[in-house]
């Protein structure tokens, strides 16, 4: 009987449930067969979802969790929170999903990533421009020696 959500999804491809160390924690190894099964599941869920809420709930129903990390998303085992893989490794880039759902992932720490994916212009103060090489122009002040 499978012990975790991942094992239940991929038990037919990885009945041994081999393990490895990841991030200092003992984690289930995601073998190429597991990744193929997860990729097929993720793609099917994405194709059937019309919103982030439905997307998230569909994984949750299967004991899996979608969570933000860096500039994208990761898939975690919902029972113990162990990270399984990046969603992009399953063929679902964050940019693709943002464009598909028309908005960023709820609570994503990098909302500018969603804005970029949707082609929104940056608002607010412009970023200061860095000089690529030192200026040869004279400065507006004099150095006074005492």
C-alpha atoms as a PDB file:
ATOM      1  CA  UNK A   1       0.000   0.000   0.000  1.00  0.00           C
ATOM      2  CA  UNK A   2       1.450   3.424  -0.952  1.00  0.00           C
ATOM      3  CA  UNK A   3       2.667   5.562   1.947  1.00  0.00           C
ATOM      4  CA  UNK A   4       2.607   9.008   0.329  1.00  0.00           C
ATOM      5  CA  UNK A   5       0.659  10.850  -2.326  1.00  0.00           C
ATOM      6  CA  UNK A   6       3.499  10.490  -4.815  1.00  0.00           C
ATOM      7  CA  UNK A   7       3.682   6.760  -4.279  1.00  0.00           C
ATOM      8  CA  UNK A   8      -0.056   6.494  -4.919  1.00  0.00           C
ATOM      9  CA  UNK A   9       0.264   8.461  -8.168  1.00  0.00           C
ATOM     10  CA  UNK A  10       3.245   6.519  -9.444  1.00  0.00           C
ATOM     11  CA  UNK A  11       3.080   3.196  -7.597  1.00  0.00           C
ATOM     12  CA  UNK A  12       2.734   1.314 -10.860  1.00  0.00           C
ATOM     13  CA  UNK A  13       6.059   2.750 -12.069  1.00  0.00           C
ATOM     14  CA  UNK A  14       8.040   2.722  -8.840  1.00  0.00           C
ATOM     15  CA  UNK A  15       6.754   0.033  -6.475  1.00  0.00           C
ATOM     16  CA  UNK A  16      10.071  -0.134  -4.605  1.00  0.00           C
ATOM     17  CA  UNK A  17       9.703   3.468  -3.347  1.00  0.00           C
ATOM     18  CA  UNK A  18      13.450   4.141  -3.410  1.00  0.00           C
ATOM     19  CA  UNK A  19      14.703   7.122  -1.441  1.00  0.00           C
ATOM     20  CA  UNK A  20      17.442   9.710  -1.670  1.00  0.00           C
ATOM     21  CA  UNK A  21      18.709  12.704   0.294  1.00  0.00           C
ATOM     22  CA  UNK A  22      17.553  16.120  -0.885  1.00  0.00           C
ATOM     23  CA  UNK A  23      18.151  19.338   1.022  1.00  0.00           C
ATOM     24  CA  UNK A  24      19.300  17.441   4.105  1.00  0.00           C
ATOM     25  CA  UNK A  25      16.021  15.505   4.269  1.00  0.00           C
ATOM     26  CA  UNK A  26      15.192  11.985   3.296  1.00  0.00           C
ATOM     27  CA  UNK A  27      12.903  12.297   0.253  1.00  0.00           C
ATOM     28  CA  UNK A  28      11.268  10.002  -2.229  1.00  0.00           C
ATOM     29  CA  UNK A  29      13.352   9.795  -5.374  1.00  0.00           C
ATOM     30  CA  UNK A  30      11.550  11.019  -8.447  1.00  0.00           C
ATOM     31  CA  UNK A  31      12.765   8.605 -11.089  1.00  0.00           C
ATOM     32  CA  UNK A  32      12.317   9.263 -14.821  1.00  0.00           C
ATOM     33  CA  UNK A  33       9.228   7.034 -14.783  1.00  0.00           C
ATOM     34  CA  UNK A  34       7.819   8.979 -11.832  1.00  0.00           C
ATOM     35  CA  UNK A  35       8.531  12.259 -13.593  1.00  0.00           C
ATOM     36  CA  UNK A  36       6.723  11.033 -16.719  1.00  0.00           C
ATOM     37  CA  UNK A  37       3.681  10.011 -14.659  1.00  0.00           C
ATOM     38  CA  UNK A  38       3.700  13.304 -12.736  1.00  0.00           C
ATOM     39  CA  UNK A  39       4.167  15.300 -15.960  1.00  0.00           C
ATOM     40  CA  UNK A  40       1.177  13.577 -17.567  1.00  0.00           C
ATOM     41  CA  UNK A  41      -0.931  14.201 -14.451  1.00  0.00           C
ATOM     42  CA  UNK A  42       0.168  17.848 -14.190  1.00  0.00           C
ATOM     43  CA  UNK A  43      -0.543  18.511 -17.869  1.00  0.00           C
ATOM     44  CA  UNK A  44      -3.995  16.908 -17.599  1.00  0.00           C
ATOM     45  CA  UNK A  45      -4.844  18.959 -14.500  1.00  0.00           C
ATOM     46  CA  UNK A  46      -3.627  22.160 -16.177  1.00  0.00           C
ATOM     47  CA  UNK A  47      -5.668  21.461 -19.324  1.00  0.00           C
ATOM     48  CA  UNK A  48      -8.817  20.831 -17.250  1.00  0.00           C
ATOM     49  CA  UNK A  49      -8.368  23.861 -14.969  1.00  0.00           C
ATOM     50  CA  UNK A  50      -9.723  27.316 -15.756  1.00  0.00           C
ATOM     51  CA  UNK A  51      -8.278  29.018 -12.665  1.00  0.00           C
ATOM     52  CA  UNK A  52      -5.488  28.763 -10.132  1.00  0.00           C
ATOM     53  CA  UNK A  53      -8.043  27.677  -7.530  1.00  0.00           C
ATOM     54  CA  UNK A  54      -9.158  24.674  -9.577  1.00  0.00           C
ATOM     55  CA  UNK A  55      -5.522  23.850 -10.433  1.00  0.00           C
ATOM     56  CA  UNK A  56      -4.458  23.935  -6.780  1.00  0.00           C
ATOM     57  CA  UNK A  57      -7.533  21.981  -5.599  1.00  0.00           C
ATOM     58  CA  UNK A  58      -7.021  19.254  -8.217  1.00  0.00           C
ATOM     59  CA  UNK A  59      -3.534  18.564  -6.892  1.00  0.00           C
ATOM     60  CA  UNK A  60      -4.740  18.783  -3.293  1.00  0.00           C
ATOM     61  CA  UNK A  61      -7.381  16.111  -4.010  1.00  0.00           C
ATOM     62  CA  UNK A  62      -4.514  13.811  -5.018  1.00  0.00           C
ATOM     63  CA  UNK A  63      -2.460  14.572  -1.903  1.00  0.00           C
ATOM     64  CA  UNK A  64      -0.094  16.964  -3.669  1.00  0.00           C
ATOM     65  CA  UNK A  65       0.629  20.642  -3.067  1.00  0.00           C
ATOM     66  CA  UNK A  66       1.625  23.383  -5.504  1.00  0.00           C
ATOM     67  CA  UNK A  67       3.785  26.047  -3.848  1.00  0.00           C
ATOM     68  CA  UNK A  68       5.735  29.118  -4.993  1.00  0.00           C
ATOM     69  CA  UNK A  69       9.507  28.968  -4.936  1.00  0.00           C
ATOM     70  CA  UNK A  70      11.903  31.484  -6.433  1.00  0.00           C
ATOM     71  CA  UNK A  71      10.521  32.662  -9.743  1.00  0.00           C
ATOM     72  CA  UNK A  72       8.282  29.662 -10.289  1.00  0.00           C
ATOM     73  CA  UNK A  73       6.379  26.835  -8.644  1.00  0.00           C
ATOM     74  CA  UNK A  74       7.224  23.464  -7.131  1.00  0.00           C
ATOM     75  CA  UNK A  75       5.204  20.335  -6.493  1.00  0.00           C
ATOM     76  CA  UNK A  76       5.276  18.979  -2.950  1.00  0.00           C
ATOM     77  CA  UNK A  77       4.032  15.857  -1.228  1.00  0.00           C
ATOM     78  CA  UNK A  78       0.945  17.083   0.628  1.00  0.00           C
ATOM     79  CA  UNK A  79       1.379  14.664   3.515  1.00  0.00           C
ATOM     80  CA  UNK A  80       4.859  15.687   4.629  1.00  0.00           C
ATOM     81  CA  UNK A  81       5.658  18.820   2.578  1.00  0.00           C
ATOM     82  CA  UNK A  82       8.707  17.360   0.888  1.00  0.00           C
ATOM     83  CA  UNK A  83       9.538  19.021  -2.401  1.00  0.00           C
ATOM     84  CA  UNK A  84       9.240  16.624  -5.324  1.00  0.00           C
ATOM     85  CA  UNK A  85      10.166  18.709  -8.349  1.00  0.00           C
ATOM     86  CA  UNK A  86       9.774  22.020 -10.111  1.00  0.00           C
ATOM     87  CA  UNK A  87       6.593  22.418 -12.103  1.00  0.00           C
ATOM     88  CA  UNK A  88       8.748  23.511 -15.048  1.00  0.00           C
ATOM     89  CA  UNK A  89      10.436  20.103 -14.949  1.00  0.00           C
ATOM     90  CA  UNK A  90       6.981  18.664 -15.611  1.00  0.00           C
ATOM     91  CA  UNK A  91       6.553  20.856 -18.688  1.00  0.00           C
ATOM     92  CA  UNK A  92       4.575  23.621 -16.991  1.00  0.00           C
ATOM     93  CA  UNK A  93       6.583  26.814 -16.767  1.00  0.00           C
ATOM     94  CA  UNK A  94       5.265  29.543 -14.495  1.00  0.00           C
ATOM     95  CA  UNK A  95       5.151  31.939 -17.443  1.00  0.00           C
ATOM     96  CA  UNK A  96       2.976  29.524 -19.446  1.00  0.00           C
ATOM     97  CA  UNK A  97       0.563  29.022 -16.563  1.00  0.00           C
ATOM     98  CA  UNK A  98       0.315  32.754 -15.779  1.00  0.00           C
ATOM     99  CA  UNK A  99      -0.574  33.417 -19.397  1.00  0.00           C
ATOM    100  CA  UNK A 100      -3.079  30.554 -19.373  1.00  0.00           C
ATOM    101  CA  UNK A 101      -4.845  31.695 -16.198  1.00  0.00           C
ATOM    102  CA  UNK A 102      -4.435  35.417 -16.913  1.00  0.00           C
ATOM    103  CA  UNK A 103      -2.964  36.169 -13.476  1.00  0.00           C
ATOM    104  CA  UNK A 104      -0.149  35.205 -11.126  1.00  0.00           C
ATOM    105  CA  UNK A 105      -0.233  32.397  -8.579  1.00  0.00           C
ATOM    106  CA  UNK A 106      -2.038  33.534  -5.391  1.00  0.00           C
ATOM    107  CA  UNK A 107       0.486  34.844  -2.873  1.00  0.00           C
ATOM    108  CA  UNK A 108       3.520  34.346  -5.149  1.00  0.00           C
ATOM    109  CA  UNK A 109       6.473  36.263  -3.672  1.00  0.00           C
ATOM    110  CA  UNK A 110       7.438  37.656  -7.108  1.00  0.00           C
ATOM    111  CA  UNK A 111       4.375  39.398  -8.566  1.00  0.00           C
ATOM    112  CA  UNK A 112       6.614  41.113 -11.111  1.00  0.00           C
ATOM    113  CA  UNK A 113       7.136  37.706 -12.762  1.00  0.00           C
ATOM    114  CA  UNK A 114       3.409  37.522 -13.521  1.00  0.00           C
ATOM    115  CA  UNK A 115       3.371  41.115 -14.739  1.00  0.00           C
ATOM    116  CA  UNK A 116       6.245  40.314 -17.076  1.00  0.00           C
ATOM    117  CA  UNK A 117       4.537  37.168 -18.378  1.00  0.00           C
ATOM    118  CA  UNK A 118       1.359  39.150 -19.051  1.00  0.00           C
ATOM    119  CA  UNK A 119       3.276  41.962 -20.757  1.00  0.00           C
ATOM    120  CA  UNK A 120       2.257  44.566 -18.200  1.00  0.00           C
ATOM    121  CA  UNK A 121       4.337  47.698 -18.046  1.00  0.00           C
ATOM    122  CA  UNK A 122       6.184  48.421 -14.844  1.00  0.00           C
ATOM    123  CA  UNK A 123       4.653  51.252 -12.838  1.00  0.00           C
ATOM    124  CA  UNK A 124       6.242  53.454 -10.248  1.00  0.00           C
ATOM    125  CA  UNK A 125       9.645  55.053 -10.197  1.00  0.00           C
ATOM    126  CA  UNK A 126      11.982  53.920 -12.948  1.00  0.00           C
ATOM    127  CA  UNK A 127      14.974  51.854 -11.967  1.00  0.00           C
ATOM    128  CA  UNK A 128      18.160  53.916 -11.749  1.00  0.00           C
ATOM    129  CA  UNK A 129      20.421  53.373 -14.726  1.00  0.00           C
ATOM    130  CA  UNK A 130      23.880  52.033 -13.971  1.00  0.00           C
ATOM    131  CA  UNK A 131      26.833  53.378 -15.840  1.00  0.00           C
ATOM    132  CA  UNK A 132      28.560  50.713 -17.857  1.00  0.00           C
ATOM    133  CA  UNK A 133      31.937  52.451 -17.552  1.00  0.00           C
ATOM    134  CA  UNK A 134      33.341  55.249 -15.419  1.00  0.00           C
ATOM    135  CA  UNK A 135      32.387  58.719 -16.522  1.00  0.00           C
ATOM    136  CA  UNK A 136      35.096  60.899 -18.057  1.00  0.00           C
ATOM    137  CA  UNK A 137      33.061  64.062 -17.529  1.00  0.00           C
ATOM    138  CA  UNK A 138      34.213  66.590 -14.961  1.00  0.00           C
ATOM    139  CA  UNK A 139      32.312  66.706 -11.688  1.00  0.00           C
ATOM    140  CA  UNK A 140      30.489  69.807 -10.400  1.00  0.00           C
ATOM    141  CA  UNK A 141      32.683  70.219  -7.320  1.00  0.00           C
ATOM    142  CA  UNK A 142      36.293  70.992  -6.428  1.00  0.00           C
ATOM    143  CA  UNK A 143      38.418  69.274  -3.846  1.00  0.00           C
ATOM    144  CA  UNK A 144      39.874  71.778  -1.385  1.00  0.00           C
ATOM    145  CA  UNK A 145      43.123  71.114   0.394  1.00  0.00           C
ATOM    146  CA  UNK A 146      43.677  72.572   3.840  1.00  0.00           C
END
